[in-house]
Amino acid sequence: MECFHCRGKMIRGNAPFSADRNGYHILWESVPAWVCTQCGEALFEENEVNHIQKALRQIDQETIAMMSDVA
């Protein structure tokens, strides 16, 4: 596989993923991904993206519930 950014070689490995949204910051330090050996760019496959999106939806729901408890 070729990197979309620098055309370097992509290999299977792990990469960090972080998100800032709705008043919180979350960081996963090691998510399976394709990682460029030249520039370090990460490409996450559909399965990992689906897991990340599911986790973020759950955290969003908990954040909304927590904030409604305060009101």
C-alpha atoms as a PDB file:
ATOM      1  CA  MET A   1       0.000   0.000   0.000  1.00  0.00           C
ATOM      2  CA  GLU A   2       1.234   3.507  -0.812  1.00  0.00           C
ATOM      3  CA  CYS A   3       0.891   6.569   1.464  1.00  0.00           C
ATOM      4  CA  PHE A   4      -1.593   9.136   0.158  1.00  0.00           C
ATOM      5  CA  HIS A   5       0.602  11.991   1.409  1.00  0.00           C
ATOM      6  CA  CYS A   6       4.178  11.137   0.504  1.00  0.00           C
ATOM      7  CA  ARG A   7       3.912   7.939  -1.544  1.00  0.00           C
ATOM      8  CA  GLY A   8       5.953   6.032   1.062  1.00  0.00           C
ATOM      9  CA  LYS A   9       5.332   2.394   1.967  1.00  0.00           C
ATOM     10  CA  MET A  10       2.502   1.655   4.418  1.00  0.00           C
ATOM     11  CA  ILE A  11       2.936  -1.226   6.878  1.00  0.00           C
ATOM     12  CA  ARG A  12       0.635  -2.680   9.537  1.00  0.00           C
ATOM     13  CA  GLY A  13       1.308  -1.274  12.967  1.00  0.00           C
ATOM     14  CA  ASN A  14      -0.313   0.902  15.603  1.00  0.00           C
ATOM     15  CA  ALA A  15      -0.925   4.628  15.761  1.00  0.00           C
ATOM     16  CA  PRO A  16      -2.448   7.064  18.244  1.00  0.00           C
ATOM     17  CA  PHE A  17      -5.905   8.521  17.724  1.00  0.00           C
ATOM     18  CA  SER A  18      -7.284  11.546  19.559  1.00  0.00           C
ATOM     19  CA  ALA A  19     -10.482  13.565  19.443  1.00  0.00           C
ATOM     20  CA  ASP A  20     -11.576  16.870  20.965  1.00  0.00           C
ATOM     21  CA  ARG A  21     -15.336  17.273  21.057  1.00  0.00           C
ATOM     22  CA  ASN A  22     -18.284  18.280  23.206  1.00  0.00           C
ATOM     23  CA  GLY A  23     -16.137  19.389  26.122  1.00  0.00           C
ATOM     24  CA  TYR A  24     -13.843  16.391  26.358  1.00  0.00           C
ATOM     25  CA  HIS A  25     -10.562  15.093  24.954  1.00  0.00           C
ATOM     26  CA  ILE A  26      -9.941  11.401  24.373  1.00  0.00           C
ATOM     27  CA  LEU A  27      -6.743   9.667  23.347  1.00  0.00           C
ATOM     28  CA  TRP A  28      -6.128   6.099  22.342  1.00  0.00           C
ATOM     29  CA  GLU A  29      -2.375   5.611  22.296  1.00  0.00           C
ATOM     30  CA  SER A  30      -2.282   2.464  20.175  1.00  0.00           C
ATOM     31  CA  VAL A  31      -4.915   1.695  17.536  1.00  0.00           C
ATOM     32  CA  PRO A  32      -4.244  -0.854  14.771  1.00  0.00           C
ATOM     33  CA  ALA A  33      -3.539   1.011  11.531  1.00  0.00           C
ATOM     34  CA  TRP A  34      -1.521   1.176   8.356  1.00  0.00           C
ATOM     35  CA  VAL A  35       1.451   3.447   9.115  1.00  0.00           C
ATOM     36  CA  CYS A  36       3.731   5.096   6.565  1.00  0.00           C
ATOM     37  CA  THR A  37       7.387   4.143   7.006  1.00  0.00           C
ATOM     38  CA  GLN A  38       8.427   7.489   5.546  1.00  0.00           C
ATOM     39  CA  CYS A  39       6.197  10.197   7.055  1.00  0.00           C
ATOM     40  CA  GLY A  40       4.330   8.337   9.831  1.00  0.00           C
ATOM     41  CA  GLU A  41       0.860   9.067   8.457  1.00  0.00           C
ATOM     42  CA  ALA A  42      -1.729   6.609   9.796  1.00  0.00           C
ATOM     43  CA  LEU A  43      -4.624   5.059   7.923  1.00  0.00           C
ATOM     44  CA  PHE A  44      -7.300   3.311   9.966  1.00  0.00           C
ATOM     45  CA  GLU A  45      -9.360   0.530   8.410  1.00  0.00           C
ATOM     46  CA  GLU A  46     -13.160   0.392   8.516  1.00  0.00           C
ATOM     47  CA  ASN A  47     -13.323  -1.944  11.526  1.00  0.00           C
ATOM     48  CA  GLU A  48     -11.203   0.379  13.696  1.00  0.00           C
ATOM     49  CA  VAL A  49     -13.112   3.454  12.502  1.00  0.00           C
ATOM     50  CA  ASN A  50     -16.407   1.772  13.407  1.00  0.00           C
ATOM     51  CA  HIS A  51     -15.123   0.971  16.923  1.00  0.00           C
ATOM     52  CA  ILE A  52     -13.873   4.544  17.389  1.00  0.00           C
ATOM     53  CA  GLN A  53     -17.190   6.013  16.212  1.00  0.00           C
ATOM     54  CA  LYS A  54     -19.172   3.685  18.491  1.00  0.00           C
ATOM     55  CA  ALA A  55     -17.047   4.628  21.509  1.00  0.00           C
ATOM     56  CA  LEU A  56     -17.392   8.349  20.751  1.00  0.00           C
ATOM     57  CA  ARG A  57     -21.191   8.045  20.424  1.00  0.00           C
ATOM     58  CA  GLN A  58     -21.330   6.314  23.823  1.00  0.00           C
ATOM     59  CA  ILE A  59     -19.151   8.985  25.424  1.00  0.00           C
ATOM     60  CA  ASP A  60     -21.326  11.699  23.828  1.00  0.00           C
ATOM     61  CA  GLN A  61     -24.428  10.091  25.376  1.00  0.00           C
ATOM     62  CA  GLU A  62     -22.780   9.872  28.796  1.00  0.00           C
ATOM     63  CA  THR A  63     -21.616  13.491  28.538  1.00  0.00           C
ATOM     64  CA  ILE A  64     -25.163  14.626  27.702  1.00  0.00           C
ATOM     65  CA  ALA A  65     -26.557  12.600  30.621  1.00  0.00           C
ATOM     66  CA  MET A  66     -23.955  14.011  33.000  1.00  0.00           C
ATOM     67  CA  MET A  67     -24.649  17.570  31.927  1.00  0.00           C
ATOM     68  CA  SER A  68     -28.425  17.124  32.283  1.00  0.00           C
ATOM     69  CA  ASP A  69     -27.849  15.868  35.861  1.00  0.00           C
ATOM     70  CA  VAL A  70     -26.160  19.192  36.650  1.00  0.00           C
ATOM     71  CA  ALA A  71     -29.039  21.299  35.317  1.00  0.00           C
END
